[in-house]
């Protein structure tokens, strides 16, 4: 059977770092409060000339270089983002143009913090269905542009950045020993739409709007939803928590990450955590974490890697990959 195998990976971050100490000068908060409740020490903030597309392009070029490929080798670009450069055209098409790619297809995917998981699942479906041989999957965000910087409950949480992987069609045996995507589990439930949302849009207010969140409500649902899709992935593949080499979660909150790992029986030393240095970068958080752990040598070829995320909507999902 055809598997979608990770051929390359890359990441990009803005130049500016905003520490919790600097955050103290903007809103009524403290480094101690932020760290205790979220695990975040700093985040990256996009400056002038740095956009979702420019960060996504940089991550894409890093992934192409690591894979020893060129844009001509790609068939498909999917960009997961909630902060596109424009309402349209899609940021994916913008990045396609920046890369000098004049063929194939490119489109955006909007599932908020679950966007990268949704995008990987979609690219895998294209590859397994024979519609693409190589797909560039990017998670890129500039959430700092939609934050209310007077709202101390949200502005301390989010940051900007981009990460990318290249998935390539390769033949597999159809067993869990295959490299590539083994299963993807996606969920959503729109009844929770008012718990994490942006209070604007072209069709409603004609404005971009700002991010709004009921933090306690999100936290209340997060661990259960994450556990649901990871257990579904185990059931689909006949694997268990003991088989997982690395859990790479969406980097929203250290307490959610730790709570999910504990409930699933995955040791914390098998969990990749970057929320302390990146903050919550929404759809960019998982590929940024993947890049960090792959570059420093933790994630190695043949490792079983579980990706999971939950975001506004609510949306949630998991992807199990043999690296």
Protein backbone atom coordinates (compact mmCIF):
# COMPACT_ATOMS: atom_id res chain seq x y z
CA UNK A 1 0.00 0.00 0.00
CA UNK A 2 1.00 3.65 -0.36
CA UNK A 3 2.18 5.48 2.76
CA UNK A 4 2.80 9.20 3.25
CA UNK A 5 6.36 9.31 4.55
CA UNK A 6 8.05 12.36 6.09
CA UNK A 7 10.84 13.34 3.71
CA UNK A 8 11.80 16.72 5.20
CA UNK A 9 10.97 19.22 7.92
CA UNK A 10 11.69 22.86 8.70
CA UNK A 11 10.70 25.81 10.89
CA UNK A 12 10.83 29.59 11.03
CA UNK A 13 10.39 32.09 13.84
CA UNK A 14 10.18 35.89 13.90
CA UNK A 15 13.23 37.84 15.02
CA UNK A 16 11.62 39.39 18.08
CA UNK A 17 11.32 37.53 21.38
CA UNK A 18 8.83 38.84 23.95
CA UNK A 19 9.54 37.62 27.48
CA UNK A 20 7.09 37.48 30.36
CA UNK A 21 8.99 40.37 31.93
CA UNK A 22 8.15 42.52 28.91
CA UNK A 23 4.56 41.30 29.11
CA UNK A 24 4.42 42.68 32.66
CA UNK A 25 4.89 46.18 31.19
CA UNK A 26 1.89 45.76 28.86
CA UNK A 27 -0.83 44.24 31.07
CA UNK A 28 -1.48 43.54 34.74
CA UNK A 29 0.25 40.17 34.98
CA UNK A 30 3.46 38.60 36.26
CA UNK A 31 6.07 36.12 35.08
CA UNK A 32 5.20 33.89 38.04
CA UNK A 33 1.47 33.89 37.21
CA UNK A 34 2.06 33.09 33.52
CA UNK A 35 4.56 30.30 34.18
CA UNK A 36 2.48 28.70 36.95
CA UNK A 37 -0.70 28.55 34.85
CA UNK A 38 0.67 27.96 31.36
CA UNK A 39 4.35 27.00 31.45
CA UNK A 40 5.14 29.84 29.02
CA UNK A 41 8.32 31.89 29.56
CA UNK A 42 8.48 33.70 26.22
CA UNK A 43 7.01 33.87 22.73
CA UNK A 44 8.04 35.21 19.30
CA UNK A 45 6.22 38.21 17.82
CA UNK A 46 6.17 39.02 14.11
CA UNK A 47 7.57 42.41 13.20
CA UNK A 48 7.25 44.66 10.17
CA UNK A 49 7.57 42.64 6.98
CA UNK A 50 7.09 39.33 8.78
CA UNK A 51 3.78 37.71 7.82
CA UNK A 52 2.18 34.29 7.87
CA UNK A 53 3.27 33.81 4.24
CA UNK A 54 6.86 34.95 4.78
CA UNK A 55 7.28 32.70 7.82
CA UNK A 56 5.62 29.82 5.97
CA UNK A 57 7.93 30.32 3.00
CA UNK A 58 11.01 30.22 5.24
CA UNK A 59 9.83 27.00 6.92
CA UNK A 60 9.05 25.51 3.50
CA UNK A 61 12.50 26.32 2.14
CA UNK A 62 14.11 24.74 5.20
CA UNK A 63 12.05 21.57 4.69
CA UNK A 64 12.90 21.44 0.98
CA UNK A 65 16.61 21.86 1.71
CA UNK A 66 16.58 19.11 4.31
CA UNK A 67 14.73 16.81 1.90
CA UNK A 68 17.11 17.73 -0.96
CA UNK A 69 14.14 18.70 -3.11
CA UNK A 70 13.04 21.74 -5.09
CA UNK A 71 9.56 23.26 -5.51
CA UNK A 72 9.40 21.49 -8.88
CA UNK A 73 9.30 18.18 -6.97
CA UNK A 74 6.06 19.11 -5.16
CA UNK A 75 2.50 18.44 -6.30
CA UNK A 76 0.54 19.99 -3.46
CA UNK A 77 0.82 22.70 -0.81
CA UNK A 78 -1.56 22.83 2.16
CA UNK A 79 -1.23 25.67 4.65
CA UNK A 80 -2.96 25.39 8.00
CA UNK A 81 -3.61 28.88 9.33
CA UNK A 82 -6.21 31.05 11.05
CA UNK A 83 -4.24 34.22 10.33
CA UNK A 84 -3.87 34.40 6.52
CA UNK A 85 -2.10 37.32 4.86
CA UNK A 86 -5.35 38.13 3.03
CA UNK A 87 -8.96 36.98 3.08
CA UNK A 88 -8.04 35.71 -0.37
CA UNK A 89 -6.05 34.56 -2.25
CA UNK A 90 -5.06 31.70 0.03
CA UNK A 91 -1.77 31.99 1.88
CA UNK A 92 -0.84 28.65 0.30
CA UNK A 93 -1.08 30.20 -3.17
CA UNK A 94 1.01 33.14 -1.95
CA UNK A 95 3.69 30.74 -0.70
CA UNK A 96 3.46 28.73 -3.92
CA UNK A 97 4.25 31.93 -5.82
CA UNK A 98 7.08 32.87 -3.45
CA UNK A 99 8.64 29.46 -4.03
CA UNK A 100 8.39 29.90 -7.80
CA UNK A 101 6.12 26.86 -8.15
CA UNK A 102 3.95 27.09 -11.28
CA UNK A 103 2.16 23.75 -11.19
CA UNK A 104 0.14 21.55 -8.86
CA UNK A 105 -2.40 22.83 -6.35
CA UNK A 106 -2.29 24.95 -3.20
CA UNK A 107 -4.96 25.76 -0.65
CA UNK A 108 -5.45 26.79 2.98
CA UNK A 109 -7.02 24.75 5.75
CA UNK A 110 -8.79 26.35 8.70
CA UNK A 111 -9.20 24.25 11.83
CA UNK A 112 -7.50 26.70 14.22
CA UNK A 113 -5.05 24.93 16.56
CA UNK A 114 -5.93 21.53 15.05
CA UNK A 115 -5.13 22.86 11.59
CA UNK A 116 -1.81 21.09 11.12
CA UNK A 117 -3.30 17.73 12.12
CA UNK A 118 -6.19 18.28 9.70
CA UNK A 119 -3.74 19.32 6.96
CA UNK A 120 -1.55 16.24 7.44
CA UNK A 121 -4.64 14.01 7.32
CA UNK A 122 -5.77 15.74 4.11
CA UNK A 123 -2.37 15.49 2.45
CA UNK A 124 -2.23 11.81 3.40
CA UNK A 125 -5.61 11.25 1.75
CA UNK A 126 -4.40 12.96 -1.44
CA UNK A 127 -1.24 10.85 -1.49
CA UNK A 128 -2.94 7.53 -0.74
CA UNK A 129 -5.57 8.36 -3.35
CA UNK A 130 -2.94 8.92 -6.02
CA UNK A 131 -3.73 12.63 -6.43
CA UNK A 132 -0.27 13.75 -5.28
CA UNK A 133 3.18 12.23 -4.89
CA UNK A 134 4.71 14.89 -2.67
CA UNK A 135 2.89 17.37 -0.45
CA UNK A 136 4.27 20.32 1.45
CA UNK A 137 2.26 20.75 4.66
CA UNK A 138 2.75 24.02 6.53
CA UNK A 139 1.39 25.33 9.81
CA UNK A 140 1.92 29.11 9.96
CA UNK A 141 0.44 31.80 12.18
CA UNK A 142 0.78 35.43 13.21
CA UNK A 143 -1.67 35.34 16.10
CA UNK A 144 -0.16 38.50 17.57
CA UNK A 145 -2.09 40.39 14.87
CA UNK A 146 -5.49 39.30 16.21
CA UNK A 147 -4.81 39.63 19.94
CA UNK A 148 -6.44 42.20 22.19
CA UNK A 149 -3.31 43.44 23.94
CA UNK A 150 -5.40 44.79 26.82
CA UNK A 151 -6.85 41.33 27.58
CA UNK A 152 -4.38 39.73 29.98
CA UNK A 153 -6.17 36.36 29.84
CA UNK A 154 -5.32 35.84 26.15
CA UNK A 155 -2.45 38.09 25.06
CA UNK A 156 0.07 36.29 27.28
CA UNK A 157 -0.66 32.91 25.67
CA UNK A 158 0.01 33.27 21.96
CA UNK A 159 2.98 33.70 19.67
CA UNK A 160 3.93 33.61 15.99
CA UNK A 161 5.87 31.13 13.86
CA UNK A 162 5.75 28.48 11.17
CA UNK A 163 6.72 24.86 10.66
CA UNK A 164 6.57 22.52 7.68
CA UNK A 165 6.95 18.90 6.66
CA UNK A 166 7.13 17.26 3.25
CA UNK A 167 5.16 14.04 2.82
CA UNK A 168 6.16 11.67 0.02
CA UNK A 169 4.39 8.64 -1.42
CA UNK A 170 6.32 5.45 -0.68
CA UNK A 171 5.29 1.81 -0.84
CA UNK A 172 4.59 0.11 2.47
CA UNK A 173 3.65 -3.39 3.59
CA UNK A 174 0.44 -2.28 5.27
CA UNK A 175 1.72 -2.98 8.79
CA UNK A 176 2.60 -0.70 11.69
CA UNK A 177 6.26 -1.21 10.81
CA UNK A 178 5.76 0.99 7.72
CA UNK A 179 7.24 4.47 7.77
CA UNK A 180 4.70 7.24 7.25
CA UNK A 181 1.19 8.13 8.38
CA UNK A 182 -0.45 5.07 9.96
CA UNK A 183 -3.78 6.64 10.93
CA UNK A 184 -5.52 9.99 11.34
CA UNK A 185 -8.48 10.68 13.61
CA UNK A 186 -10.41 13.96 13.20
CA UNK A 187 -13.32 15.39 15.20
CA UNK A 188 -15.30 18.61 15.57
CA UNK A 189 -18.32 19.89 17.46
CA UNK A 190 -19.64 23.35 16.62
CA UNK A 191 -21.69 23.64 19.81
CA UNK A 192 -18.51 24.90 21.47
CA UNK A 193 -17.97 27.71 18.95
CA UNK A 194 -18.49 30.50 21.48
CA UNK A 195 -15.78 29.24 23.85
CA UNK A 196 -12.81 30.10 21.60
CA UNK A 197 -13.36 32.39 18.63
CA UNK A 198 -12.52 35.68 16.90
CA UNK A 199 -15.19 38.38 17.23
CA UNK A 200 -15.00 39.56 13.63
CA UNK A 201 -15.01 38.49 10.01
CA UNK A 202 -15.75 39.65 6.45
CA UNK A 203 -19.37 38.42 6.45
CA UNK A 204 -20.34 39.62 9.95
CA UNK A 205 -18.50 42.72 11.11
CA UNK A 206 -16.35 43.51 8.09
CA UNK A 207 -13.38 43.64 10.45
CA UNK A 208 -10.59 41.25 11.42
CA UNK A 209 -11.68 41.13 15.07
CA UNK A 210 -9.83 39.87 18.15
CA UNK A 211 -9.41 36.49 19.75
CA UNK A 212 -11.78 35.72 22.62
CA UNK A 213 -11.58 32.70 24.89
CA UNK A 214 -13.32 31.16 27.88
CA UNK A 215 -10.17 29.61 29.29
CA UNK A 216 -11.77 27.42 31.93
CA UNK A 217 -14.23 25.96 29.44
CA UNK A 218 -11.46 25.14 26.97
CA UNK A 219 -9.36 23.53 29.70
CA UNK A 220 -12.36 21.54 30.94
CA UNK A 221 -12.86 19.86 27.55
CA UNK A 222 -9.26 19.63 26.34
CA UNK A 223 -7.88 16.56 28.11
CA UNK A 224 -10.95 14.41 27.38
CA UNK A 225 -11.04 15.36 23.70
CA UNK A 226 -7.31 14.77 23.25
CA UNK A 227 -7.54 11.39 24.98
CA UNK A 228 -10.48 10.44 22.72
CA UNK A 229 -8.58 10.83 19.44
CA UNK A 230 -5.37 9.27 20.72
CA UNK A 231 -7.20 6.21 22.00
CA UNK A 232 -8.99 6.03 18.62
CA UNK A 233 -5.59 6.01 16.91
CA UNK A 234 -4.44 3.18 19.17
CA UNK A 235 -7.58 1.20 18.38
CA UNK A 236 -7.20 1.77 14.62
CA UNK A 237 -3.62 0.49 14.60
CA UNK A 238 -3.59 -2.02 17.44
CA UNK A 239 -0.93 -0.02 19.25
CA UNK A 240 -0.75 1.18 22.86
CA UNK A 241 0.81 4.02 24.79
CA UNK A 242 3.82 1.76 25.42
CA UNK A 243 4.54 1.67 21.67
CA UNK A 244 4.75 5.46 21.33
CA UNK A 245 8.28 6.84 21.23
CA UNK A 246 7.23 10.49 21.22
CA UNK A 247 4.03 12.42 21.90
CA UNK A 248 4.11 15.76 20.07
CA UNK A 249 1.09 17.69 21.31
CA UNK A 250 -0.29 21.07 20.34
CA UNK A 251 1.57 23.49 22.57
CA UNK A 252 -1.31 25.33 24.22
CA UNK A 253 -0.74 24.96 27.94
CA UNK A 254 1.73 22.90 29.97
CA UNK A 255 -1.00 21.73 32.34
CA UNK A 256 -3.11 20.39 29.45
CA UNK A 257 -0.05 18.64 27.98
CA UNK A 258 0.90 17.03 31.30
CA UNK A 259 -2.70 16.08 32.11
CA UNK A 260 -3.22 14.39 28.75
CA UNK A 261 0.04 12.43 28.96
CA UNK A 262 -0.76 11.28 32.49
CA UNK A 263 -4.27 10.14 31.55
CA UNK A 264 -2.88 8.18 28.59
CA UNK A 265 -0.04 6.65 30.57
CA UNK A 266 2.69 8.26 28.46
CA UNK A 267 5.77 9.24 30.51
CA UNK A 268 6.58 12.95 30.45
CA UNK A 269 10.10 12.20 29.22
CA UNK A 270 8.46 10.98 25.98
CA UNK A 271 6.56 14.25 25.48
CA UNK A 272 8.00 17.03 23.31
CA UNK A 273 7.35 20.37 25.00
CA UNK A 274 8.15 23.74 23.41
CA UNK A 275 5.33 25.85 24.86
CA UNK A 276 7.85 27.38 27.27
CA UNK A 277 9.77 29.08 24.45
CA UNK A 278 7.17 29.39 21.66
CA UNK A 279 3.92 29.99 23.53
CA UNK A 280 0.76 28.86 21.74
CA UNK A 281 1.40 29.26 18.00
CA UNK A 282 -1.88 27.56 17.02
CA UNK A 283 -1.49 25.56 13.77
CA UNK A 284 2.28 26.16 13.80
CA UNK A 285 2.90 24.62 17.20
CA UNK A 286 3.13 20.93 16.25
CA UNK A 287 5.47 21.38 13.25
CA UNK A 288 7.63 23.76 15.31
CA UNK A 289 7.86 21.12 18.04
CA UNK A 290 8.57 18.38 15.47
CA UNK A 291 11.40 20.44 14.02
CA UNK A 292 12.87 21.12 17.46
CA UNK A 293 12.87 17.45 18.48
CA UNK A 294 14.08 16.17 15.10
CA UNK A 295 16.93 18.69 14.90
CA UNK A 296 18.18 17.94 18.42
CA UNK A 297 18.10 14.20 17.69
CA UNK A 298 15.27 13.08 19.94
CA UNK A 299 12.98 12.02 17.08
CA UNK A 300 14.80 9.50 14.91
CA UNK A 301 13.99 7.51 11.79
CA UNK A 302 11.66 4.64 12.68
CA UNK A 303 10.26 6.27 15.83
CA UNK A 304 6.51 6.07 16.42
CA UNK A 305 5.29 9.65 16.83
CA UNK A 306 1.82 10.70 17.98
CA UNK A 307 0.58 14.16 17.02
CA UNK A 308 -2.48 15.63 18.71
CA UNK A 309 -4.29 18.94 18.89
CA UNK A 310 -7.49 20.64 19.97
CA UNK A 311 -8.63 24.08 18.85
CA UNK A 312 -11.46 26.53 18.41
CA UNK A 313 -14.66 25.20 16.98
CA UNK A 314 -14.06 22.90 18.78
CA UNK A 315 -11.89 20.82 16.49
CA UNK A 316 -9.56 18.07 17.64
CA UNK A 317 -7.56 15.27 16.10
CA UNK A 318 -4.56 12.96 16.12
CA UNK A 319 -2.11 11.55 13.60
CA UNK A 320 0.14 8.55 14.25
CA UNK A 321 3.32 8.61 12.16
CA UNK A 322 6.25 6.22 11.86
CA UNK A 323 9.07 8.75 11.37
